[in-house]
Every structure is written in C-alpha cells, then in structure tokens.
Amino acid sequence: GRFATFTVADTGPGIAEDALPLVFEAYWSGARHAGHGTGLGL
C-alpha cells in the first residue's frame, strides 16, 4: 500500500551469521573476499 518490496534471492552458498551485520559497511567485502570487488557496492 505504501511501499513496494523488491527481492533479489539466490541459491548460493549463503553468508555466515556473524558477517550479516557487516555486509553494508564500506570496504567490508574487499577486506574479507579479496578479488571479489571493492566492498562499496552494498
């Protein structure tokens, strides 16, 4: 009614529970997953 919720769902390997609070931090992915990007996307 007020908001539309968009979903991007995958069947991939998943993310560890202790990492979930960090995924939207700048540079996090770049630090934890070398070669997979800069960590700025999310």
PDB file of all heavy atoms in Angstrom:
ATOM      1  N   GLY A   1       0.806  -1.216   0.000  1.00  0.00           N
ATOM      2  CA  GLY A   1       0.000   0.000   0.000  1.00  0.00           C
ATOM      3  C   GLY A   1       0.837   1.263   0.000  1.00  0.00           C
ATOM      4  O   GLY A   1       0.539   2.213  -0.715  1.00  0.00           O
ATOM      5  N   ARG A   2       1.898   1.293   0.798  1.00  0.00           N
ATOM      6  CA  ARG A   2       2.778   2.463   0.854  1.00  0.00           C
ATOM      7  C   ARG A   2       4.129   2.212   0.197  1.00  0.00           C
ATOM      8  O   ARG A   2       4.714   3.113  -0.407  1.00  0.00           O
ATOM      9  CB  ARG A   2       3.002   2.890   2.310  1.00  0.00           C
ATOM     10  CG  ARG A   2       1.779   3.459   2.996  1.00  0.00           C
ATOM     11  CD  ARG A   2       2.148   3.964   4.377  1.00  0.00           C
ATOM     12  NE  ARG A   2       3.194   4.972   4.297  1.00  0.00           N
ATOM     13  CZ  ARG A   2       4.161   5.133   5.197  1.00  0.00           C
ATOM     14  NH1 ARG A   2       4.239   4.305   6.237  1.00  0.00           N
ATOM     15  NH2 ARG A   2       5.056   6.079   5.061  1.00  0.00           N
ATOM     16  N   PHE A   3       4.622   0.994   0.353  1.00  0.00           N
ATOM     17  CA  PHE A   3       5.945   0.662  -0.167  1.00  0.00           C
ATOM     18  C   PHE A   3       5.889  -0.617  -0.999  1.00  0.00           C
ATOM     19  O   PHE A   3       5.100  -1.516  -0.707  1.00  0.00           O
ATOM     20  CB  PHE A   3       6.952   0.465   0.977  1.00  0.00           C
ATOM     21  CG  PHE A   3       7.356   1.737   1.663  1.00  0.00           C
ATOM     22  CD1 PHE A   3       6.622   2.217   2.737  1.00  0.00           C
ATOM     23  CD2 PHE A   3       8.460   2.453   1.222  1.00  0.00           C
ATOM     24  CE1 PHE A   3       6.994   3.395   3.371  1.00  0.00           C
ATOM     25  CE2 PHE A   3       8.835   3.630   1.851  1.00  0.00           C
ATOM     26  CZ  PHE A   3       8.099   4.104   2.926  1.00  0.00           C
ATOM     27  N   ALA A   4       6.754  -0.667  -2.007  1.00  0.00           N
ATOM     28  CA  ALA A   4       6.983  -1.905  -2.746  1.00  0.00           C
ATOM     29  C   ALA A   4       8.284  -2.506  -2.231  1.00  0.00           C
ATOM     30  O   ALA A   4       9.271  -1.789  -2.029  1.00  0.00           O
ATOM     31  CB  ALA A   4       7.088  -1.636  -4.238  1.00  0.00           C
ATOM     32  N   THR A   5       8.271  -3.808  -1.997  1.00  0.00           N
ATOM     33  CA  THR A   5       9.476  -4.503  -1.532  1.00  0.00           C
ATOM     34  C   THR A   5      10.035  -5.338  -2.677  1.00  0.00           C
ATOM     35  O   THR A   5       9.375  -6.259  -3.162  1.00  0.00           O
ATOM     36  CB  THR A   5       9.158  -5.415  -0.338  1.00  0.00           C
ATOM     37  OG1 THR A   5       8.629  -4.626   0.735  1.00  0.00           O
ATOM     38  CG2 THR A   5      10.423  -6.123   0.140  1.00  0.00           C
ATOM     39  N   PHE A   6      11.241  -4.998  -3.106  1.00  0.00           N
ATOM     40  CA  PHE A   6      11.905  -5.720  -4.187  1.00  0.00           C
ATOM     41  C   PHE A   6      12.838  -6.772  -3.583  1.00  0.00           C
ATOM     42  O   PHE A   6      13.438  -6.550  -2.532  1.00  0.00           O
ATOM     43  CB  PHE A   6      12.694  -4.763  -5.071  1.00  0.00           C
ATOM     44  CG  PHE A   6      11.829  -3.845  -5.882  1.00  0.00           C
ATOM     45  CD1 PHE A   6      11.384  -2.644  -5.355  1.00  0.00           C
ATOM     46  CD2 PHE A   6      11.433  -4.202  -7.160  1.00  0.00           C
ATOM     47  CE1 PHE A   6      10.569  -1.804  -6.097  1.00  0.00           C
ATOM     48  CE2 PHE A   6      10.619  -3.372  -7.917  1.00  0.00           C
ATOM     49  CZ  PHE A   6      10.175  -2.163  -7.378  1.00  0.00           C
ATOM     50  N   THR A   7      12.937  -7.899  -4.267  1.00  0.00           N
ATOM     51  CA  THR A   7      13.690  -9.042  -3.746  1.00  0.00           C
ATOM     52  C   THR A   7      14.687  -9.542  -4.782  1.00  0.00           C
ATOM     53  O   THR A   7      14.369  -9.664  -5.962  1.00  0.00           O
ATOM     54  CB  THR A   7      12.736 -10.197  -3.386  1.00  0.00           C
ATOM     55  OG1 THR A   7      11.767  -9.733  -2.450  1.00  0.00           O
ATOM     56  CG2 THR A   7      13.499 -11.361  -2.783  1.00  0.00           C
ATOM     57  N   VAL A   8      15.908  -9.804  -4.316  1.00  0.00           N
ATOM     58  CA  VAL A   8      16.919 -10.488  -5.118  1.00  0.00           C
ATOM     59  C   VAL A   8      17.354 -11.699  -4.294  1.00  0.00           C
ATOM     60  O   VAL A   8      18.069 -11.564  -3.298  1.00  0.00           O
ATOM     61  CB  VAL A   8      18.133  -9.584  -5.416  1.00  0.00           C
ATOM     62  CG1 VAL A   8      19.173 -10.349  -6.240  1.00  0.00           C
ATOM     63  CG2 VAL A   8      17.698  -8.317  -6.145  1.00  0.00           C
ATOM     64  N   ALA A   9      16.861 -12.887  -4.681  1.00  0.00           N
ATOM     65  CA  ALA A   9      17.097 -14.108  -3.900  1.00  0.00           C
ATOM     66  C   ALA A   9      17.943 -15.082  -4.709  1.00  0.00           C
ATOM     67  O   ALA A   9      17.661 -15.328  -5.883  1.00  0.00           O
ATOM     68  CB  ALA A   9      15.773 -14.759  -3.524  1.00  0.00           C
ATOM     69  N   ASP A  10      18.973 -15.635  -4.080  1.00  0.00           N
ATOM     70  CA  ASP A  10      19.817 -16.603  -4.781  1.00  0.00           C
ATOM     71  C   ASP A  10      19.931 -17.894  -3.974  1.00  0.00           C
ATOM     72  O   ASP A  10      19.637 -17.926  -2.778  1.00  0.00           O
ATOM     73  CB  ASP A  10      21.204 -16.015  -5.059  1.00  0.00           C
ATOM     74  CG  ASP A  10      22.038 -15.802  -3.804  1.00  0.00           C
ATOM     75  OD1 ASP A  10      22.362 -16.788  -3.124  1.00  0.00           O
ATOM     76  OD2 ASP A  10      22.372 -14.637  -3.497  1.00  0.00           O
ATOM     77  N   THR A  11      20.343 -18.944  -4.655  1.00  0.00           N
ATOM     78  CA  THR A  11      20.536 -20.254  -4.020  1.00  0.00           C
ATOM     79  C   THR A  11      22.013 -20.540  -3.788  1.00  0.00           C
ATOM     80  O   THR A  11      22.430 -21.693  -3.732  1.00  0.00           O
ATOM     81  CB  THR A  11      19.925 -21.369  -4.892  1.00  0.00           C
ATOM     82  OG1 THR A  11      20.587 -21.372  -6.169  1.00  0.00           O
ATOM     83  CG2 THR A  11      18.441 -21.164  -5.096  1.00  0.00           C
ATOM     84  N   GLY A  12      22.793 -19.480  -3.659  1.00  0.00           N
ATOM     85  CA  GLY A  12      24.236 -19.615  -3.499  1.00  0.00           C
ATOM     86  C   GLY A  12      24.655 -20.136  -2.140  1.00  0.00           C
ATOM     87  O   GLY A  12      23.823 -20.639  -1.360  1.00  0.00           O
ATOM     88  N   PRO A  13      25.943 -20.003  -1.802  1.00  0.00           N
ATOM     89  CA  PRO A  13      26.483 -20.611  -0.584  1.00  0.00           C
ATOM     90  C   PRO A  13      26.037 -19.949   0.709  1.00  0.00           C
ATOM     91  O   PRO A  13      26.200 -20.513   1.783  1.00  0.00           O
ATOM     92  CB  PRO A  13      27.997 -20.477  -0.770  1.00  0.00           C
ATOM     93  CG  PRO A  13      28.161 -19.325  -1.712  1.00  0.00           C
ATOM     94  CD  PRO A  13      26.985 -19.377  -2.626  1.00  0.00           C
ATOM     95  N   GLY A  14      25.458 -18.745   0.626  1.00  0.00           N
ATOM     96  CA  GLY A  14      24.997 -18.070   1.830  1.00  0.00           C
ATOM     97  C   GLY A  14      26.097 -17.299   2.540  1.00  0.00           C
ATOM     98  O   GLY A  14      27.276 -17.361   2.178  1.00  0.00           O
ATOM     99  N   ILE A  15      25.692 -16.570   3.587  1.00  0.00           N
ATOM    100  CA  ILE A  15      26.605 -15.719   4.341  1.00  0.00           C
ATOM    101  C   ILE A  15      26.560 -16.134   5.810  1.00  0.00           C
ATOM    102  O   ILE A  15      25.479 -16.364   6.360  1.00  0.00           O
ATOM    103  CB  ILE A  15      26.205 -14.233   4.210  1.00  0.00           C
ATOM    104  CG1 ILE A  15      26.192 -13.811   2.739  1.00  0.00           C
ATOM    105  CG2 ILE A  15      27.144 -13.340   5.015  1.00  0.00           C
ATOM    106  CD1 ILE A  15      25.585 -12.444   2.505  1.00  0.00           C
ATOM    107  N   ALA A  16      27.708 -16.201   6.437  1.00  0.00           N
ATOM    108  CA  ALA A  16      27.773 -16.582   7.847  1.00  0.00           C
ATOM    109  C   ALA A  16      27.019 -15.567   8.708  1.00  0.00           C
ATOM    110  O   ALA A  16      27.031 -14.367   8.428  1.00  0.00           O
ATOM    111  CB  ALA A  16      29.221 -16.674   8.302  1.00  0.00           C
ATOM    112  N   GLU A  17      26.378 -16.059   9.762  1.00  0.00           N
ATOM    113  CA  GLU A  17      25.543 -15.196  10.611  1.00  0.00           C
ATOM    114  C   GLU A  17      26.337 -14.042  11.209  1.00  0.00           C
ATOM    115  O   GLU A  17      25.839 -12.914  11.285  1.00  0.00           O
ATOM    116  CB  GLU A  17      24.919 -16.035  11.723  1.00  0.00           C
ATOM    117  CG  GLU A  17      23.940 -15.253  12.588  1.00  0.00           C
ATOM    118  CD  GLU A  17      23.272 -16.126  13.636  1.00  0.00           C
ATOM    119  OE1 GLU A  17      23.540 -17.344  13.656  1.00  0.00           O
ATOM    120  OE2 GLU A  17      22.485 -15.591  14.440  1.00  0.00           O
ATOM    121  N   ASP A  18      27.580 -14.287  11.606  1.00  0.00           N
ATOM    122  CA  ASP A  18      28.354 -13.219  12.233  1.00  0.00           C
ATOM    123  C   ASP A  18      28.786 -12.146  11.240  1.00  0.00           C
ATOM    124  O   ASP A  18      29.194 -11.048  11.640  1.00  0.00           O
ATOM    125  CB  ASP A  18      29.582 -13.795  12.946  1.00  0.00           C
ATOM    126  CG  ASP A  18      30.549 -14.473  11.983  1.00  0.00           C
ATOM    127  OD1 ASP A  18      30.127 -14.798  10.846  1.00  0.00           O
ATOM    128  OD2 ASP A  18      31.717 -14.675  12.353  1.00  0.00           O
ATOM    129  N   ALA A  19      28.678 -12.433   9.936  1.00  0.00           N
ATOM    130  CA  ALA A  19      29.055 -11.462   8.914  1.00  0.00           C
ATOM    131  C   ALA A  19      27.893 -10.579   8.484  1.00  0.00           C
ATOM    132  O   ALA A  19      28.113  -9.504   7.920  1.00  0.00           O
ATOM    133  CB  ALA A  19      29.638 -12.175   7.694  1.00  0.00           C
ATOM    134  N   LEU A  20      26.658 -11.006   8.721  1.00  0.00           N
ATOM    135  CA  LEU A  20      25.491 -10.264   8.238  1.00  0.00           C
ATOM    136  C   LEU A  20      25.453  -8.810   8.703  1.00  0.00           C
ATOM    137  O   LEU A  20      25.096  -7.924   7.920  1.00  0.00           O
ATOM    138  CB  LEU A  20      24.203 -10.986   8.650  1.00  0.00           C
ATOM    139  CG  LEU A  20      23.892 -12.271   7.871  1.00  0.00           C
ATOM    140  CD1 LEU A  20      22.667 -12.963   8.444  1.00  0.00           C
ATOM    141  CD2 LEU A  20      23.681 -11.965   6.390  1.00  0.00           C
ATOM    142  N   PRO A  21      25.798  -8.507   9.959  1.00  0.00           N
ATOM    143  CA  PRO A  21      25.761  -7.094  10.370  1.00  0.00           C
ATOM    144  C   PRO A  21      26.790  -6.211   9.665  1.00  0.00           C
ATOM    145  O   PRO A  21      26.721  -4.989   9.754  1.00  0.00           O
ATOM    146  CB  PRO A  21      26.055  -7.161  11.883  1.00  0.00           C
ATOM    147  CG  PRO A  21      25.758  -8.554  12.290  1.00  0.00           C
ATOM    148  CD  PRO A  21      26.119  -9.390  11.100  1.00  0.00           C
ATOM    149  N   LEU A  22      27.737  -6.826   8.950  1.00  0.00           N
ATOM    150  CA  LEU A  22      28.845  -6.075   8.358  1.00  0.00           C
ATOM    151  C   LEU A  22      28.696  -5.837   6.856  1.00  0.00           C
ATOM    152  O   LEU A  22      29.455  -5.057   6.284  1.00  0.00           O
ATOM    153  CB  LEU A  22      30.165  -6.819   8.600  1.00  0.00           C
ATOM    154  CG  LEU A  22      30.496  -7.181  10.049  1.00  0.00           C
ATOM    155  CD1 LEU A  22      31.758  -8.027  10.092  1.00  0.00           C
ATOM    156  CD2 LEU A  22      30.660  -5.936  10.899  1.00  0.00           C
ATOM    157  N   VAL A  23      27.729  -6.502   6.214  1.00  0.00           N
ATOM    158  CA  VAL A  23      27.725  -6.535   4.745  1.00  0.00           C
ATOM    159  C   VAL A  23      27.498  -5.165   4.107  1.00  0.00           C
ATOM    160  O   VAL A  23      27.879  -4.955   2.958  1.00  0.00           O
ATOM    161  CB  VAL A  23      26.684  -7.540   4.205  1.00  0.00           C
ATOM    162  CG1 VAL A  23      27.061  -8.957   4.589  1.00  0.00           C
ATOM    163  CG2 VAL A  23      25.278  -7.191   4.690  1.00  0.00           C
ATOM    164  N   PHE A  24      26.873  -4.233   4.829  1.00  0.00           N
ATOM    165  CA  PHE A  24      26.610  -2.913   4.248  1.00  0.00           C
ATOM    166  C   PHE A  24      27.674  -1.889   4.627  1.00  0.00           C
ATOM    167  O   PHE A  24      27.520  -0.705   4.329  1.00  0.00           O
ATOM    168  CB  PHE A  24      25.224  -2.412   4.679  1.00  0.00           C
ATOM    169  CG  PHE A  24      24.099  -3.211   4.077  1.00  0.00           C
ATOM    170  CD1 PHE A  24      23.373  -4.090   4.860  1.00  0.00           C
ATOM    171  CD2 PHE A  24      23.771  -3.099   2.733  1.00  0.00           C
ATOM    172  CE1 PHE A  24      22.337  -4.830   4.317  1.00  0.00           C
ATOM    173  CE2 PHE A  24      22.744  -3.835   2.177  1.00  0.00           C
ATOM    174  CZ  PHE A  24      22.022  -4.717   2.973  1.00  0.00           C
ATOM    175  N   GLU A  25      28.743  -2.327   5.278  1.00  0.00           N
ATOM    176  CA  GLU A  25      29.814  -1.412   5.623  1.00  0.00           C
ATOM    177  C   GLU A  25      30.748  -1.219   4.428  1.00  0.00           C
ATOM    178  O   GLU A  25      31.017  -2.149   3.678  1.00  0.00           O
ATOM    179  CB  GLU A  25      30.619  -1.944   6.810  1.00  0.00           C
ATOM    180  CG  GLU A  25      29.835  -1.952   8.120  1.00  0.00           C
ATOM    181  CD  GLU A  25      30.697  -2.371   9.285  1.00  0.00           C
ATOM    182  OE1 GLU A  25      31.927  -2.536   9.094  1.00  0.00           O
ATOM    183  OE2 GLU A  25      30.144  -2.529  10.387  1.00  0.00           O
ATOM    184  N   ALA A  26      31.235   0.002   4.273  1.00  0.00           N
ATOM    185  CA  ALA A  26      32.159   0.299   3.175  1.00  0.00           C
ATOM    186  C   ALA A  26      33.427  -0.526   3.306  1.00  0.00           C
ATOM    187  O   ALA A  26      33.973  -0.669   4.398  1.00  0.00           O
ATOM    188  CB  ALA A  26      32.504   1.788   3.169  1.00  0.00           C
ATOM    189  N   TYR A  27      33.871  -1.095   2.185  1.00  0.00           N
ATOM    190  CA  TYR A  27      35.109  -1.862   2.057  1.00  0.00           C
ATOM    191  C   TYR A  27      35.057  -3.246   2.683  1.00  0.00           C
ATOM    192  O   TYR A  27      36.019  -3.997   2.568  1.00  0.00           O
ATOM    193  CB  TYR A  27      36.317  -1.115   2.678  1.00  0.00           C
ATOM    194  CG  TYR A  27      36.529   0.250   2.117  1.00  0.00           C
ATOM    195  CD1 TYR A  27      36.399   1.379   2.928  1.00  0.00           C
ATOM    196  CD2 TYR A  27      36.856   0.434   0.784  1.00  0.00           C
ATOM    197  CE1 TYR A  27      36.587   2.652   2.416  1.00  0.00           C
ATOM    198  CE2 TYR A  27      37.046   1.699   0.265  1.00  0.00           C
ATOM    199  CZ  TYR A  27      36.907   2.802   1.084  1.00  0.00           C
ATOM    200  OH  TYR A  27      37.095   4.055   0.584  1.00  0.00           O
ATOM    201  N   TRP A  28      33.937  -3.619   3.336  1.00  0.00           N
ATOM    202  CA  TRP A  28      33.938  -4.901   4.039  1.00  0.00           C
ATOM    203  C   TRP A  28      34.203  -6.075   3.096  1.00  0.00           C
ATOM    204  O   TRP A  28      35.049  -6.914   3.359  1.00  0.00           O
ATOM    205  CB  TRP A  28      32.601  -5.124   4.753  1.00  0.00           C
ATOM    206  CG  TRP A  28      32.552  -6.483   5.392  1.00  0.00           C
ATOM    207  CD1 TRP A  28      33.110  -6.856   6.575  1.00  0.00           C
ATOM    208  CD2 TRP A  28      31.954  -7.670   4.861  1.00  0.00           C
ATOM    209  NE1 TRP A  28      32.902  -8.192   6.820  1.00  0.00           N
ATOM    210  CE2 TRP A  28      32.187  -8.714   5.773  1.00  0.00           C
ATOM    211  CE3 TRP A  28      31.236  -7.949   3.693  1.00  0.00           C
ATOM    212  CZ2 TRP A  28      31.724 -10.010   5.561  1.00  0.00           C
ATOM    213  CZ3 TRP A  28      30.785  -9.231   3.481  1.00  0.00           C
ATOM    214  CH2 TRP A  28      31.022 -10.247   4.407  1.00  0.00           C
ATOM    215  N   SER A  29      33.502  -6.122   1.973  1.00  0.00           N
ATOM    216  CA  SER A  29      33.681  -7.246   1.056  1.00  0.00           C
ATOM    217  C   SER A  29      35.115  -7.306   0.525  1.00  0.00           C
ATOM    218  O   SER A  29      35.678  -8.371   0.396  1.00  0.00           O
ATOM    219  CB  SER A  29      32.693  -7.141  -0.118  1.00  0.00           C
ATOM    220  OG  SER A  29      32.868  -8.211  -1.019  1.00  0.00           O
ATOM    221  N   GLY A  30      35.678  -6.126   0.224  1.00  0.00           N
ATOM    222  CA  GLY A  30      37.029  -6.105  -0.287  1.00  0.00           C
ATOM    223  C   GLY A  30      38.024  -6.675   0.710  1.00  0.00           C
ATOM    224  O   GLY A  30      38.986  -7.322   0.349  1.00  0.00           O
ATOM    225  N   ALA A  31      37.763  -6.449   1.993  1.00  0.00           N
ATOM    226  CA  ALA A  31      38.680  -6.943   3.012  1.00  0.00           C
ATOM    227  C   ALA A  31      38.524  -8.429   3.248  1.00  0.00           C
ATOM    228  O   ALA A  31      39.486  -9.148   3.478  1.00  0.00           O
ATOM    229  CB  ALA A  31      38.448  -6.176   4.321  1.00  0.00           C
ATOM    230  N   ARG A  32      37.273  -8.931   3.179  1.00  0.00           N
ATOM    231  CA  ARG A  32      37.010 -10.324   3.516  1.00  0.00           C
ATOM    232  C   ARG A  32      37.062 -11.259   2.312  1.00  0.00           C
ATOM    233  O   ARG A  32      37.276 -12.450   2.449  1.00  0.00           O
ATOM    234  CB  ARG A  32      35.613 -10.434   4.156  1.00  0.00           C
ATOM    235  CG  ARG A  32      35.535  -9.820   5.532  1.00  0.00           C
ATOM    236  CD  ARG A  32      36.245 -10.704   6.558  1.00  0.00           C
ATOM    237  NE  ARG A  32      35.627 -12.007   6.668  1.00  0.00           N
ATOM    238  CZ  ARG A  32      34.623 -12.280   7.477  1.00  0.00           C
ATOM    239  NH1 ARG A  32      34.109 -11.344   8.257  1.00  0.00           N
ATOM    240  NH2 ARG A  32      34.107 -13.497   7.533  1.00  0.00           N
ATOM    241  N   HIS A  33      36.833 -10.710   1.115  1.00  0.00           N
ATOM    242  CA  HIS A  33      36.777 -11.555  -0.085  1.00  0.00           C
ATOM    243  C   HIS A  33      37.671 -10.949  -1.165  1.00  0.00           C
ATOM    244  O   HIS A  33      37.186 -10.354  -2.119  1.00  0.00           O
ATOM    245  CB  HIS A  33      35.336 -11.679  -0.591  1.00  0.00           C
ATOM    246  CG  HIS A  33      34.403 -12.231   0.437  1.00  0.00           C
ATOM    247  ND1 HIS A  33      34.425 -13.536   0.833  1.00  0.00           N
ATOM    248  CD2 HIS A  33      33.424 -11.643   1.161  1.00  0.00           C
ATOM    249  CE1 HIS A  33      33.486 -13.747   1.754  1.00  0.00           C
ATOM    250  NE2 HIS A  33      32.885 -12.620   1.967  1.00  0.00           N
ATOM    251  N   ALA A  34      38.964 -11.095  -1.005  1.00  0.00           N
ATOM    252  CA  ALA A  34      39.912 -10.494  -1.936  1.00  0.00           C
ATOM    253  C   ALA A  34      39.624 -10.946  -3.360  1.00  0.00           C
ATOM    254  O   ALA A  34      39.408 -12.115  -3.629  1.00  0.00           O
ATOM    255  CB  ALA A  34      41.342 -10.880  -1.540  1.00  0.00           C
ATOM    256  N   GLY A  35      39.626  -9.974  -4.270  1.00  0.00           N
ATOM    257  CA  GLY A  35      39.400 -10.283  -5.673  1.00  0.00           C
ATOM    258  C   GLY A  35      37.950 -10.249  -6.083  1.00  0.00           C
ATOM    259  O   GLY A  35      37.631 -10.367  -7.263  1.00  0.00           O
ATOM    260  N   HIS A  36      37.022 -10.077  -5.115  1.00  0.00           N
ATOM    261  CA  HIS A  36      35.608 -10.055  -5.454  1.00  0.00           C
ATOM    262  C   HIS A  36      35.038  -8.648  -5.535  1.00  0.00           C
ATOM    263  O   HIS A  36      33.843  -8.479  -5.657  1.00  0.00           O
ATOM    264  CB  HIS A  36      34.808 -10.870  -4.424  1.00  0.00           C
ATOM    265  CG  HIS A  36      34.950 -12.355  -4.616  1.00  0.00           C
ATOM    266  ND1 HIS A  36      34.336 -13.027  -5.634  1.00  0.00           N
ATOM    267  CD2 HIS A  36      35.665 -13.275  -3.930  1.00  0.00           C
ATOM    268  CE1 HIS A  36      34.633 -14.319  -5.552  1.00  0.00           C
ATOM    269  NE2 HIS A  36      35.450 -14.490  -4.538  1.00  0.00           N
ATOM    270  N   GLY A  37      35.837  -7.625  -5.408  1.00  0.00           N
ATOM    271  CA  GLY A  37      35.331  -6.269  -5.541  1.00  0.00           C
ATOM    272  C   GLY A  37      35.907  -5.353  -4.477  1.00  0.00           C
ATOM    273  O   GLY A  37      36.763  -5.742  -3.679  1.00  0.00           O
ATOM    274  N   THR A  38      35.426  -4.106  -4.477  1.00  0.00           N
ATOM    275  CA  THR A  38      35.957  -3.102  -3.560  1.00  0.00           C
ATOM    276  C   THR A  38      35.234  -3.093  -2.230  1.00  0.00           C
ATOM    277  O   THR A  38      35.710  -2.480  -1.270  1.00  0.00           O
ATOM    278  CB  THR A  38      35.802  -1.706  -4.178  1.00  0.00           C
ATOM    279  OG1 THR A  38      34.413  -1.429  -4.354  1.00  0.00           O
ATOM    280  CG2 THR A  38      36.510  -1.620  -5.516  1.00  0.00           C
ATOM    281  N   GLY A  39      34.071  -3.712  -2.145  1.00  0.00           N
ATOM    282  CA  GLY A  39      33.309  -3.672  -0.905  1.00  0.00           C
ATOM    283  C   GLY A  39      32.446  -2.444  -0.771  1.00  0.00           C
ATOM    284  O   GLY A  39      31.906  -2.174   0.306  1.00  0.00           O
ATOM    285  N   LEU A  40      32.287  -1.667  -1.854  1.00  0.00           N
ATOM    286  CA  LEU A  40      31.458  -0.463  -1.797  1.00  0.00           C
ATOM    287  C   LEU A  40      30.057  -0.686  -2.359  1.00  0.00           C
ATOM    288  O   LEU A  40      29.171   0.140  -2.149  1.00  0.00           O
ATOM    289  CB  LEU A  40      32.127   0.678  -2.581  1.00  0.00           C
ATOM    290  CG  LEU A  40      33.369   1.296  -1.943  1.00  0.00           C
ATOM    291  CD1 LEU A  40      33.957   2.353  -2.860  1.00  0.00           C
ATOM    292  CD2 LEU A  40      33.041   1.893  -0.586  1.00  0.00           C
ATOM    293  N   GLY A  41      29.845  -1.792  -3.061  1.00  0.00           N
ATOM    294  CA  GLY A  41      28.574  -1.994  -3.756  1.00  0.00           C
ATOM    295  C   GLY A  41      27.360  -1.940  -2.851  1.00  0.00           C
ATOM    296  O   GLY A  41      26.417  -1.191  -3.094  1.00  0.00           O
ATOM    297  N   LEU A  42      27.358  -2.745  -1.789  1.00  0.00           N
ATOM    298  CA  LEU A  42      26.199  -2.784  -0.900  1.00  0.00           C
ATOM    299  C   LEU A  42      26.106  -1.527  -0.043  1.00  0.00           C
ATOM    300  O   LEU A  42      25.012  -1.094   0.324  1.00  0.00           O
ATOM    301  CB  LEU A  42      26.242  -4.034  -0.024  1.00  0.00           C
ATOM    302  CG  LEU A  42      26.013  -5.353  -0.756  1.00  0.00           C
ATOM    303  CD1 LEU A  42      26.062  -6.524   0.221  1.00  0.00           C
ATOM    304  CD2 LEU A  42      24.673  -5.355  -1.496  1.00  0.00           C
TER     305      LEU A  42
END
